[in-house]
Protein backbone atom coordinates (compact mmCIF):
# COMPACT_ATOMS: atom_id res chain seq x y z
CA MET A 1 52.07 77.83 65.85
CA PHE A 2 54.31 78.89 63.19
CA LYS A 3 55.32 82.34 62.37
CA LEU A 4 53.75 84.87 59.15
CA LYS A 5 56.12 86.58 56.99
CA ILE A 6 54.56 89.87 56.22
CA MET A 7 56.45 91.18 53.17
CA PRO A 8 55.89 87.71 50.56
CA ILE A 9 51.93 87.80 52.25
CA LEU A 10 52.68 92.06 50.83
CA LEU A 11 53.97 91.33 48.00
CA THR A 12 51.45 88.59 46.51
CA ALA A 13 48.97 91.16 47.56
CA ALA A 14 50.64 93.63 46.09
CA ALA A 15 50.85 91.15 42.68
CA SER A 16 47.11 90.26 42.99
CA ALA A 17 46.11 93.26 43.27
CA LEU A 18 48.11 94.36 40.20
CA VAL A 19 46.93 91.66 37.46
CA LEU A 20 43.04 92.47 38.13
CA PHE A 21 43.11 95.73 38.46
CA GLY A 22 45.45 95.60 35.57
CA GLY A 23 43.67 92.99 33.61
CA TRP A 24 40.44 94.89 33.58
CA LEU A 25 41.70 97.76 32.64
CA ILE A 26 43.23 95.62 29.08
CA TYR A 27 39.53 94.19 29.33
CA HIS A 28 38.12 98.45 29.35
CA GLN A 29 39.67 98.72 26.29
CA VAL A 30 39.32 96.05 24.19
CA ALA A 31 35.43 95.48 25.06
CA PHE A 32 34.51 99.40 24.40
CA ALA A 33 37.21 102.17 25.07
CA ALA A 34 38.28 100.53 21.45
CA PRO A 35 35.64 99.18 19.78
CA LEU A 36 33.62 102.80 20.45
CA ALA A 37 36.56 104.65 18.89
CA LYS A 38 36.45 102.42 15.89
CA ALA A 39 33.09 103.51 15.37
CA VAL A 40 32.97 106.99 16.39
CA ASP A 41 35.96 107.70 13.36
CA SER A 42 34.08 106.27 10.81
CA ILE A 43 30.75 108.03 11.02
CA GLU A 44 30.10 110.80 8.14
CA GLY A 45 31.13 114.11 9.65
CA ILE A 46 33.63 113.31 12.53
CA ALA A 47 36.69 114.06 11.27
CA SER A 48 39.06 112.51 14.02
CA SER A 49 38.20 111.37 17.84
CA GLU A 50 39.69 109.99 20.48
CA THR A 51 38.91 106.63 22.90
CA PRO A 52 35.21 108.17 25.04
CA ILE A 53 35.99 108.82 28.51
CA MET A 54 33.39 105.78 30.29
CA ASP A 55 31.58 107.17 33.76
CA THR A 56 29.70 105.44 36.04
CA ASP A 57 26.40 107.66 34.14
CA ARG A 58 27.59 109.03 30.79
CA ILE A 59 30.37 108.33 27.97
CA THR A 60 32.01 110.99 27.00
CA PHE A 61 32.91 112.24 22.98
CA PRO A 62 36.11 113.37 22.53
CA LEU A 63 35.11 114.86 18.73
CA THR A 64 36.17 117.86 16.04
CA LEU A 65 33.98 117.87 14.06
CA SER A 66 33.90 118.46 10.03
CA ALA A 67 32.90 121.27 8.02
CA GLY A 68 29.46 121.43 7.59
CA ALA A 69 28.31 118.68 9.35
CA ASP A 70 25.03 117.22 10.50
CA LEU A 71 25.27 117.82 14.46
CA LYS A 72 21.81 115.14 14.80
CA HIS A 73 23.28 112.76 12.80
CA VAL A 74 26.65 112.54 14.83
CA TYR A 75 24.34 112.07 17.27
CA GLU A 76 21.99 109.96 16.28
CA THR A 77 24.81 107.17 15.00
CA ILE A 78 26.63 107.92 17.69
CA ALA A 79 23.84 106.89 19.93
CA GLY A 80 22.35 103.62 17.80
CA GLN A 81 26.32 102.37 16.77
CA SER A 82 27.58 102.22 20.13
CA LYS A 83 24.11 101.32 22.02
CA SER A 84 25.31 98.23 23.31
CA VAL A 85 28.30 99.30 25.30
CA ILE A 86 25.83 102.59 26.25
CA GLY A 87 23.04 100.77 28.39
CA GLY A 88 21.39 103.39 30.45
CA ARG A 89 24.43 105.81 30.37
CA ASP A 90 23.85 109.83 28.42
CA ILE A 91 26.47 110.68 25.88
CA GLN A 92 28.13 113.45 25.95
CA LEU A 93 29.43 114.53 23.05
CA ASP A 94 32.91 117.30 23.50
CA ILE A 95 33.47 119.17 20.04
CA ALA A 96 36.56 120.40 19.96
CA ASN A 97 36.90 122.59 16.99
CA THR A 98 33.52 124.69 18.58
CA SER A 99 35.29 127.62 16.97
CA SER A 100 32.69 130.43 18.32
CA ASN A 101 33.61 134.10 18.29
CA ALA A 102 31.98 136.57 20.70
CA LYS A 103 29.16 138.11 18.50
CA LEU A 104 27.64 134.10 18.20
CA ASP A 105 28.45 133.58 21.72
CA GLN A 106 26.49 136.90 22.96
CA LEU A 107 23.71 135.86 20.06
CA TRP A 108 23.40 132.57 22.09
CA SER A 109 22.80 134.67 25.34
CA SER A 110 20.53 136.83 23.45
CA SER A 111 18.70 134.02 23.00
CA LEU A 112 18.81 132.05 26.11
CA PHE A 113 16.07 133.24 27.64
CA LYS A 114 13.70 132.95 24.98
CA VAL A 115 14.95 128.89 24.25
CA ALA A 116 15.10 128.46 28.41
CA GLU A 117 11.47 129.73 27.78
CA ALA A 118 10.69 127.43 24.53
CA MET A 119 12.00 123.95 26.06
CA GLU A 120 10.11 124.75 29.84
CA HIS A 121 7.24 125.34 28.00
CA LYS A 122 7.57 122.30 25.82
CA ASN A 123 6.53 124.51 22.65
CA TYR A 124 9.95 123.46 20.48
CA SER A 125 8.66 125.11 17.77
CA THR A 126 9.57 128.25 18.71
CA ILE A 127 12.98 127.51 19.28
CA PRO A 128 13.84 128.14 15.45
CA GLU A 129 12.00 130.95 15.24
CA THR A 130 13.35 132.23 17.43
CA LEU A 131 16.99 131.62 16.42
CA LYS A 132 15.37 132.20 12.26
CA ALA A 133 14.50 135.51 13.05
CA LEU A 134 17.96 136.47 14.99
CA ALA A 135 19.63 134.76 12.42
CA ASP A 136 17.89 137.73 10.63
CA GLU A 137 18.72 140.24 12.07
CA HIS A 138 22.36 140.04 11.64
CA SER A 139 24.15 139.18 8.78
CA GLY A 140 25.96 136.46 8.31
CA VAL A 141 24.52 134.31 10.44
CA HIS A 142 23.05 131.55 9.71
CA ALA A 143 20.87 128.96 12.61
CA VAL A 144 20.47 125.27 11.50
CA THR A 145 18.10 123.79 14.29
CA ASP A 146 16.88 119.27 15.00
CA MET A 147 15.86 117.71 16.75
CA ASP A 148 14.36 114.09 17.92
CA ASP A 149 13.05 112.50 20.72
CA THR A 150 15.45 112.77 23.20
CA ASN A 151 18.20 116.07 22.31
CA ILE A 152 17.04 119.24 20.18
CA TYR A 153 20.51 120.78 18.09
CA ILE A 154 21.28 123.86 17.58
CA THR A 155 24.27 124.91 15.25
CA LEU A 156 24.98 128.62 14.47
CA LYS A 157 27.15 129.60 12.52
CA ASP A 158 29.22 132.75 11.69
CA GLY A 159 31.49 132.33 7.95
CA THR A 160 34.72 130.17 9.94
CA ALA A 161 33.30 130.48 12.94
CA THR A 162 30.76 127.74 14.11
CA LYS A 163 28.86 126.97 17.73
CA TYR A 164 27.14 124.07 18.38
CA ILE A 165 24.46 123.66 20.87
CA VAL A 166 23.15 119.71 22.22
CA LEU A 167 20.42 120.85 25.08
CA PRO A 168 18.61 117.59 27.11
CA ARG A 169 14.87 117.79 25.75
CA VAL A 170 13.88 116.31 29.52
CA ALA A 171 15.24 119.57 31.50
CA ALA A 172 17.85 118.91 34.51
CA GLN A 173 16.44 118.90 38.18
CA LEU A 174 17.37 121.99 40.29
CA GLU A 175 16.98 120.27 43.78
CA VAL A 176 16.62 122.95 46.76
CA SER A 177 18.16 123.03 49.14
CA SER A 178 16.68 123.02 53.38
CA TYR A 179 20.16 125.09 54.37
CA ALA A 180 19.27 127.67 51.14
């Protein structure tokens, strides 16, 4: 029998793994991430974006919205332009310039129960009413709500501060552990 040399075998295995993994990373970048980033940068309402983060169940788009951006339009355009790459994955927007303030955070917290109740009972028409009443009670606050078949889009504005919220119409199912 002949004697196997360990060092050449290990070097060959390491080189093969490096080539395969490196090739996969380059393919992933060239075929998926770069075209998505280019498509997202051209959407009206987006000031800038970074390379999307792709997980097995969702794609996260880090972006900065321009002033007065229509959140629903941005979301739907991203979903439409990246349909072939997304497949069955969820889209998540990671908006960098959400310049919320304490007032908007407190107003959203105070309306959260009514919004959650409306979502639970699928009574979506009460969400704009709730937010409009909230905005009418506080001077300078403006609320914009939009809806499509998958999400509810909420934009709260108070002067230069803006809070963007995307709520999925299909609520996440909570699981109860038997160990609870």
